[in-house]
Amino acid sequence: MEKYCDYEYYANDYSGTMPEEDFNGEVLKASAYIDQITMKRITPDVLKKYGEEIKLATCAACDCLYSFESGGEVMSETVGSWSRSYGSSGRTHQQKLQDSVETYLIMTGLLYRGAML
């Protein structure tokens, strides 16, 4: 299975903040999710045309998956005498994951579920 982005892209271009070892644990799951929702339509030609969108969607999925495993959504954070509160927006993990990826892939046609002629 292909990983659709690497840590260098995640940290430098996407400006992600997840530690590299955690990213390496999430990127394969995120790439598998991208394959699932695109019905494995990502070919070398598709990567040439929509590579940036696919990388961004993969990064967003990584962040989303990481937040699920880290206790949920951060609802508030304080820097002085560091504090962090977690909560829930009422949306399911699946809804949050799908929303994060759709932001980048919605205009590519890769999410189309109809018959390809």
N, C-alpha and C. Protein backbone atom coordinates (compact mmCIF):
# COMPACT_ATOMS: atom_id res chain seq x y z
N MET A 1 0.83 -1.18 0.00
CA MET A 1 0.00 0.00 0.00
C MET A 1 0.89 1.25 0.00
N GLU A 2 0.46 2.23 -0.76
CA GLU A 2 1.22 3.47 -0.87
C GLU A 2 0.81 4.47 0.22
N LYS A 3 1.80 5.11 0.81
CA LYS A 3 1.54 6.22 1.73
C LYS A 3 1.52 7.48 0.87
N TYR A 4 0.47 8.27 1.01
CA TYR A 4 0.28 9.41 0.11
C TYR A 4 1.03 10.67 0.52
N CYS A 5 1.69 10.67 1.67
CA CYS A 5 2.55 11.79 2.03
C CYS A 5 3.58 11.31 3.04
N ASP A 6 4.60 12.13 3.25
CA ASP A 6 5.63 11.79 4.22
C ASP A 6 5.67 12.86 5.31
N TYR A 7 6.47 12.60 6.33
CA TYR A 7 6.51 13.52 7.46
C TYR A 7 7.05 14.90 7.06
N GLU A 8 8.00 14.93 6.16
CA GLU A 8 8.55 16.21 5.72
C GLU A 8 7.45 17.10 5.14
N TYR A 9 6.60 16.52 4.29
CA TYR A 9 5.49 17.27 3.71
C TYR A 9 4.52 17.69 4.81
N TYR A 10 4.19 16.75 5.70
CA TYR A 10 3.26 17.03 6.79
C TYR A 10 3.73 18.20 7.65
N ALA A 11 5.00 18.18 8.04
CA ALA A 11 5.53 19.20 8.94
C ALA A 11 5.78 20.54 8.23
N ASN A 12 6.32 20.49 7.02
CA ASN A 12 6.73 21.72 6.34
C ASN A 12 5.64 22.37 5.49
N ASP A 13 4.94 21.58 4.69
CA ASP A 13 3.94 22.15 3.78
C ASP A 13 2.56 22.26 4.42
N TYR A 14 2.17 21.24 5.15
CA TYR A 14 0.86 21.22 5.81
C TYR A 14 0.91 21.95 7.16
N SER A 15 2.10 22.11 7.69
CA SER A 15 2.34 22.73 9.00
C SER A 15 1.71 21.93 10.13
N GLY A 16 1.80 20.61 10.01
CA GLY A 16 1.29 19.73 11.06
C GLY A 16 2.19 19.75 12.28
N THR A 17 1.62 19.44 13.43
CA THR A 17 2.37 19.51 14.69
C THR A 17 2.53 18.15 15.38
N MET A 18 2.01 17.11 14.79
CA MET A 18 2.14 15.78 15.38
C MET A 18 3.60 15.33 15.37
N PRO A 19 4.07 14.69 16.45
CA PRO A 19 5.44 14.16 16.43
C PRO A 19 5.63 13.12 15.32
N GLU A 20 6.83 13.03 14.79
CA GLU A 20 7.10 12.15 13.66
C GLU A 20 6.75 10.70 13.94
N GLU A 21 7.07 10.19 15.11
CA GLU A 21 6.77 8.77 15.38
C GLU A 21 5.26 8.52 15.40
N ASP A 22 4.48 9.49 15.88
CA ASP A 22 3.03 9.34 15.85
C ASP A 22 2.51 9.43 14.42
N PHE A 23 3.06 10.36 13.63
CA PHE A 23 2.68 10.49 12.23
C PHE A 23 2.91 9.18 11.50
N ASN A 24 4.07 8.57 11.73
CA ASN A 24 4.39 7.32 11.04
C ASN A 24 3.40 6.21 11.39
N GLY A 25 2.78 6.30 12.56
CA GLY A 25 1.76 5.33 12.94
C GLY A 25 0.40 5.62 12.33
N GLU A 26 0.16 6.86 11.95
CA GLU A 26 -1.14 7.26 11.42
C GLU A 26 -1.20 7.31 9.89
N VAL A 27 -0.10 7.56 9.23
CA VAL A 27 -0.13 7.81 7.79
C VAL A 27 -0.60 6.59 6.99
N LEU A 28 -0.29 5.41 7.42
CA LEU A 28 -0.74 4.22 6.69
C LEU A 28 -2.26 4.08 6.82
N LYS A 29 -2.79 4.32 8.04
CA LYS A 29 -4.24 4.26 8.24
C LYS A 29 -4.94 5.35 7.43
N ALA A 30 -4.34 6.54 7.42
CA ALA A 30 -4.93 7.65 6.66
C ALA A 30 -4.93 7.35 5.16
N SER A 31 -3.84 6.79 4.66
CA SER A 31 -3.75 6.44 3.24
C SER A 31 -4.76 5.36 2.89
N ALA A 32 -4.95 4.40 3.78
CA ALA A 32 -5.94 3.35 3.55
C ALA A 32 -7.35 3.95 3.51
N TYR A 33 -7.61 4.93 4.36
CA TYR A 33 -8.91 5.60 4.34
C TYR A 33 -9.11 6.35 3.03
N ILE A 34 -8.07 7.01 2.55
CA ILE A 34 -8.15 7.72 1.27
C ILE A 34 -8.47 6.72 0.15
N ASP A 35 -7.80 5.57 0.16
CA ASP A 35 -8.10 4.53 -0.84
C ASP A 35 -9.55 4.07 -0.74
N GLN A 36 -10.03 3.92 0.47
CA GLN A 36 -11.41 3.46 0.68
C GLN A 36 -12.42 4.45 0.12
N ILE A 37 -12.29 5.72 0.47
CA ILE A 37 -13.31 6.68 0.03
C ILE A 37 -13.19 7.06 -1.44
N THR A 38 -12.02 6.82 -2.03
CA THR A 38 -11.86 7.09 -3.47
C THR A 38 -12.07 5.82 -4.29
N MET A 39 -12.42 4.74 -3.61
CA MET A 39 -12.65 3.44 -4.26
C MET A 39 -11.41 2.99 -5.04
N LYS A 40 -10.24 3.24 -4.46
CA LYS A 40 -8.93 2.86 -5.03
C LYS A 40 -8.73 3.39 -6.46
N ARG A 41 -9.20 4.59 -6.71
CA ARG A 41 -9.05 5.20 -8.04
C ARG A 41 -7.76 5.99 -8.20
N ILE A 42 -6.92 6.00 -7.20
CA ILE A 42 -5.70 6.80 -7.29
C ILE A 42 -4.62 6.01 -8.02
N THR A 43 -4.38 6.42 -9.23
CA THR A 43 -3.37 5.82 -10.10
C THR A 43 -2.21 6.82 -10.23
N PRO A 44 -1.12 6.42 -10.85
CA PRO A 44 -0.03 7.38 -11.07
C PRO A 44 -0.48 8.64 -11.82
N ASP A 45 -1.38 8.49 -12.80
CA ASP A 45 -1.88 9.66 -13.53
C ASP A 45 -2.71 10.57 -12.63
N VAL A 46 -3.52 9.96 -11.76
CA VAL A 46 -4.34 10.75 -10.82
C VAL A 46 -3.43 11.48 -9.84
N LEU A 47 -2.37 10.81 -9.39
CA LEU A 47 -1.41 11.45 -8.49
C LEU A 47 -0.73 12.64 -9.14
N LYS A 48 -0.45 12.54 -10.43
CA LYS A 48 0.16 13.68 -11.15
C LYS A 48 -0.80 14.86 -11.18
N LYS A 49 -2.08 14.57 -11.40
CA LYS A 49 -3.07 15.63 -11.55
C LYS A 49 -3.52 16.21 -10.21
N TYR A 50 -3.72 15.35 -9.22
CA TYR A 50 -4.28 15.79 -7.93
C TYR A 50 -3.38 15.46 -6.74
N GLY A 51 -2.10 15.36 -6.97
CA GLY A 51 -1.16 14.98 -5.91
C GLY A 51 -1.22 15.88 -4.69
N GLU A 52 -1.31 17.17 -4.90
CA GLU A 52 -1.34 18.11 -3.78
C GLU A 52 -2.60 17.91 -2.94
N GLU A 53 -3.74 17.78 -3.59
CA GLU A 53 -5.00 17.57 -2.88
C GLU A 53 -4.98 16.26 -2.10
N ILE A 54 -4.42 15.22 -2.69
CA ILE A 54 -4.34 13.92 -2.03
C ILE A 54 -3.42 13.98 -0.81
N LYS A 55 -2.29 14.66 -0.96
CA LYS A 55 -1.37 14.81 0.19
C LYS A 55 -2.04 15.59 1.32
N LEU A 56 -2.71 16.68 0.99
CA LEU A 56 -3.38 17.48 2.01
C LEU A 56 -4.49 16.69 2.71
N ALA A 57 -5.25 15.94 1.94
CA ALA A 57 -6.31 15.11 2.51
C ALA A 57 -5.72 14.05 3.44
N THR A 58 -4.59 13.48 3.06
CA THR A 58 -3.93 12.48 3.89
C THR A 58 -3.46 13.09 5.20
N CYS A 59 -2.88 14.28 5.12
CA CYS A 59 -2.44 14.98 6.34
C CYS A 59 -3.62 15.27 7.26
N ALA A 60 -4.72 15.74 6.67
CA ALA A 60 -5.91 16.05 7.47
C ALA A 60 -6.45 14.78 8.13
N ALA A 61 -6.44 13.67 7.40
CA ALA A 61 -6.89 12.41 7.97
C ALA A 61 -5.96 11.96 9.10
N CYS A 62 -4.65 12.15 8.92
CA CYS A 62 -3.69 11.82 9.98
C CYS A 62 -3.99 12.59 11.25
N ASP A 63 -4.21 13.89 11.12
CA ASP A 63 -4.52 14.72 12.28
C ASP A 63 -5.81 14.26 12.96
N CYS A 64 -6.80 13.95 12.16
CA CYS A 64 -8.09 13.52 12.68
C CYS A 64 -7.94 12.18 13.43
N LEU A 65 -7.28 11.22 12.83
CA LEU A 65 -7.08 9.92 13.47
C LEU A 65 -6.27 10.06 14.75
N TYR A 66 -5.27 10.91 14.71
CA TYR A 66 -4.43 11.14 15.89
C TYR A 66 -5.25 11.75 17.03
N SER A 67 -6.14 12.67 16.71
CA SER A 67 -6.96 13.29 17.76
C SER A 67 -7.89 12.27 18.40
N PHE A 68 -8.39 11.31 17.60
CA PHE A 68 -9.25 10.27 18.16
C PHE A 68 -8.50 9.45 19.20
N GLU A 69 -7.24 9.16 18.91
CA GLU A 69 -6.44 8.31 19.79
C GLU A 69 -5.83 9.09 20.95
N SER A 70 -5.88 10.42 20.87
CA SER A 70 -5.28 11.25 21.91
C SER A 70 -6.28 11.76 22.93
N GLY A 71 -7.50 11.27 22.88
CA GLY A 71 -8.48 11.69 23.87
C GLY A 71 -9.62 12.51 23.33
N GLY A 72 -9.62 12.84 22.06
CA GLY A 72 -10.71 13.60 21.48
C GLY A 72 -10.29 14.98 21.04
N GLU A 73 -11.29 15.80 20.80
CA GLU A 73 -11.05 17.16 20.33
C GLU A 73 -10.60 18.03 21.49
N VAL A 74 -9.63 18.87 21.23
CA VAL A 74 -9.22 19.84 22.24
C VAL A 74 -10.23 20.97 22.18
N MET A 75 -10.92 21.19 23.29
CA MET A 75 -11.94 22.24 23.36
C MET A 75 -11.35 23.55 23.87
N SER A 76 -10.34 23.46 24.76
CA SER A 76 -9.66 24.66 25.24
C SER A 76 -8.25 24.30 25.66
N GLU A 77 -7.38 25.29 25.60
CA GLU A 77 -5.98 25.08 25.95
C GLU A 77 -5.44 26.37 26.55
N THR A 78 -4.69 26.26 27.61
CA THR A 78 -4.08 27.41 28.27
C THR A 78 -2.58 27.20 28.27
N VAL A 79 -1.81 28.23 28.04
CA VAL A 79 -0.36 28.09 27.97
C VAL A 79 0.29 28.29 29.35
N GLY A 80 -0.01 29.36 30.05
CA GLY A 80 0.55 29.58 31.39
C GLY A 80 0.01 28.53 32.36
N SER A 81 0.88 27.82 33.07
CA SER A 81 0.47 26.67 33.90
C SER A 81 -0.35 25.71 33.04
N TRP A 82 0.22 25.27 31.99
CA TRP A 82 -0.36 24.49 30.91
C TRP A 82 -1.58 23.67 31.32
N SER A 83 -2.63 23.75 30.53
CA SER A 83 -3.87 23.04 30.78
C SER A 83 -4.50 22.70 29.44
N ARG A 84 -5.22 21.61 29.37
CA ARG A 84 -5.91 21.23 28.13
C ARG A 84 -7.21 20.54 28.50
N SER A 85 -8.30 20.91 27.82
CA SER A 85 -9.61 20.29 28.07
C SER A 85 -10.09 19.64 26.79
N TYR A 86 -10.62 18.45 26.91
CA TYR A 86 -11.15 17.72 25.77
C TYR A 86 -12.67 17.69 25.83
N GLY A 87 -13.29 17.59 24.68
CA GLY A 87 -14.74 17.51 24.62
C GLY A 87 -15.18 16.90 23.31
N SER A 88 -16.43 17.07 23.00
CA SER A 88 -16.98 16.48 21.78
C SER A 88 -17.94 17.46 21.12
N SER A 89 -17.92 17.50 19.82
CA SER A 89 -18.80 18.38 19.07
C SER A 89 -20.13 17.71 18.78
N GLY A 90 -20.29 16.45 19.13
CA GLY A 90 -21.52 15.73 18.85
C GLY A 90 -21.48 14.97 17.54
N ARG A 91 -20.45 15.17 16.72
CA ARG A 91 -20.31 14.42 15.47
C ARG A 91 -19.52 13.16 15.73
N THR A 92 -19.80 12.11 14.98
CA THR A 92 -19.08 10.85 15.15
C THR A 92 -17.66 10.97 14.59
N HIS A 93 -16.81 10.04 14.98
CA HIS A 93 -15.45 10.01 14.43
C HIS A 93 -15.49 9.91 12.92
N GLN A 94 -16.37 9.07 12.39
CA GLN A 94 -16.47 8.88 10.95
C GLN A 94 -16.86 10.19 10.25
N GLN A 95 -17.80 10.92 10.82
CA GLN A 95 -18.20 12.19 10.23
C GLN A 95 -17.06 13.20 10.23
N LYS A 96 -16.33 13.27 11.32
CA LYS A 96 -15.20 14.20 11.41
C LYS A 96 -14.11 13.83 10.41
N LEU A 97 -13.82 12.55 10.30
CA LEU A 97 -12.80 12.08 9.36
C LEU A 97 -13.21 12.39 7.93
N GLN A 98 -14.45 12.09 7.59
CA GLN A 98 -14.94 12.34 6.24
C GLN A 98 -14.91 13.84 5.92
N ASP A 99 -15.35 14.67 6.86
CA ASP A 99 -15.34 16.11 6.64
C ASP A 99 -13.93 16.64 6.41
N SER A 100 -12.97 16.13 7.20
CA SER A 100 -11.59 16.62 7.07
C SER A 100 -11.01 16.31 5.70
N VAL A 101 -11.34 15.16 5.16
CA VAL A 101 -10.80 14.74 3.86
C VAL A 101 -11.56 15.39 2.71
N GLU A 102 -12.87 15.50 2.84
CA GLU A 102 -13.67 16.10 1.77
C GLU A 102 -13.25 17.53 1.46
N THR A 103 -12.77 18.24 2.45
CA THR A 103 -12.31 19.61 2.24
C THR A 103 -11.32 19.69 1.07
N TYR A 104 -10.48 18.70 0.95
CA TYR A 104 -9.43 18.71 -0.07
C TYR A 104 -9.78 17.93 -1.34
N LEU A 105 -10.67 16.94 -1.23
CA LEU A 105 -10.93 16.06 -2.38
C LEU A 105 -12.26 16.32 -3.08
N ILE A 106 -13.10 17.18 -2.52
CA ILE A 106 -14.46 17.34 -3.05
C ILE A 106 -14.49 17.76 -4.52
N MET A 107 -13.56 18.58 -4.95
CA MET A 107 -13.58 19.09 -6.33
C MET A 107 -12.76 18.25 -7.31
N THR A 108 -12.23 17.13 -6.87
CA THR A 108 -11.40 16.30 -7.75
C THR A 108 -12.18 15.25 -8.52
N GLY A 109 -13.39 14.92 -8.07
CA GLY A 109 -14.15 13.85 -8.69
C GLY A 109 -13.82 12.48 -8.10
N LEU A 110 -12.81 12.42 -7.23
CA LEU A 110 -12.39 11.14 -6.66
C LEU A 110 -13.40 10.57 -5.66
N LEU A 111 -14.31 11.38 -5.18
CA LEU A 111 -15.29 10.92 -4.20
C LEU A 111 -16.59 10.46 -4.86
N TYR A 112 -16.67 10.57 -6.17
CA TYR A 112 -17.87 10.19 -6.91
C TYR A 112 -18.16 8.71 -6.74
N ARG A 113 -19.38 8.37 -6.37
CA ARG A 113 -19.77 6.98 -6.11
C ARG A 113 -20.52 6.32 -7.26
N GLY A 114 -20.81 7.06 -8.31
CA GLY A 114 -21.55 6.50 -9.42
C GLY A 114 -20.67 5.66 -10.33
N ALA A 115 -21.28 5.13 -11.37
CA ALA A 115 -20.56 4.28 -12.31
C ALA A 115 -19.61 5.11 -13.15
N MET A 116 -18.43 4.59 -13.35
CA MET A 116 -17.43 5.23 -14.20
C MET A 116 -17.56 4.62 -15.60
N LEU A 117 -17.86 5.44 -16.58
CA LEU A 117 -18.05 4.94 -17.94
C LEU A 117 -16.78 5.01 -18.73
